[in-house]
Protein backbone atom coordinates (compact mmCIF):
# COMPACT_ATOMS: atom_id res chain seq x y z
CA MET A 1 20.78 -8.20 23.67
CA ASP A 2 19.93 -11.20 21.43
CA LYS A 3 20.97 -13.68 24.12
CA LEU A 4 18.72 -12.20 26.65
CA LYS A 5 15.77 -11.95 24.36
CA GLY A 6 16.44 -15.55 23.24
CA LYS A 7 16.48 -16.82 26.81
CA GLY A 8 13.15 -15.10 27.39
CA LYS A 9 11.47 -16.76 24.25
CA GLU A 10 12.95 -20.22 25.08
CA ALA A 11 11.50 -19.90 28.69
CA VAL A 12 8.13 -18.85 27.52
CA GLY A 13 8.26 -21.59 24.93
CA LYS A 14 9.15 -24.14 27.51
CA LEU A 15 6.44 -23.04 29.88
CA THR A 16 3.68 -22.97 27.18
CA GLY A 17 4.85 -25.91 25.33
CA ASP A 18 5.41 -23.96 22.23
CA HIS A 19 8.25 -25.66 20.47
CA ARG A 20 8.56 -23.15 17.71
CA LYS A 21 8.97 -20.31 20.29
CA GLU A 22 11.54 -22.29 22.21
CA ALA A 23 13.48 -22.95 18.97
CA GLU A 24 13.27 -19.18 18.10
CA GLY A 25 14.81 -18.44 21.48
CA LYS A 26 17.68 -20.82 20.96
CA THR A 27 18.22 -19.26 17.60
CA ASP A 28 18.28 -15.86 18.99
CA GLN A 29 20.78 -16.98 21.59
CA ALA A 30 23.02 -18.42 18.96
CA LYS A 31 22.80 -15.29 16.95
CA GLY A 32 23.91 -13.28 20.00
CA ARG A 33 26.86 -15.62 20.57
CA ALA A 34 27.92 -15.35 17.04
CA LYS A 35 27.79 -11.44 17.33
CA ASP A 36 29.91 -11.60 20.47
CA ALA A 37 32.46 -13.79 18.63
CA VAL A 38 32.79 -11.43 15.71
CA ASP A 39 33.20 -8.50 18.12
CA GLU A 40 35.78 -10.31 20.05
CA ALA A 41 37.75 -11.28 16.83
CA GLY A 42 37.64 -7.62 15.77
CA ASP A 43 38.93 -6.50 19.17
CA ARG A 44 41.72 -9.01 19.02
CA ALA A 45 42.68 -7.97 15.52
CA LYS A 46 42.81 -4.29 16.59
CA GLY A 47 45.01 -5.28 19.61
CA VAL A 48 47.44 -7.08 17.29
CA LYS A 49 47.55 -4.16 14.86
CA ASP A 50 48.08 -1.75 17.92
CA SER A 51 50.85 -3.88 19.44
CA LEU A 52 52.76 -4.16 16.06
CA GLY A 53 52.57 -0.39 15.84
CA SER A 54 54.40 1.37 12.96
CA ASP A 55 58.04 1.64 12.37
CA ASP A 56 57.85 5.31 13.20
CA ASP A 57 56.95 4.40 16.78
CA ARG A 58 60.30 2.53 17.44
């Protein structure tokens, strides 16, 4: 959601010449990418944990 909101802000900033709004949009997009990376890392960690399983499963 942050990435989409950021793209909108950046576009409005470019159209209106508002460099601050454009920068806010880029910041929002970066925040969205960071959240995605954290979520992906969590999913990978869960996958590793699941693949290792417990000794009882074997």
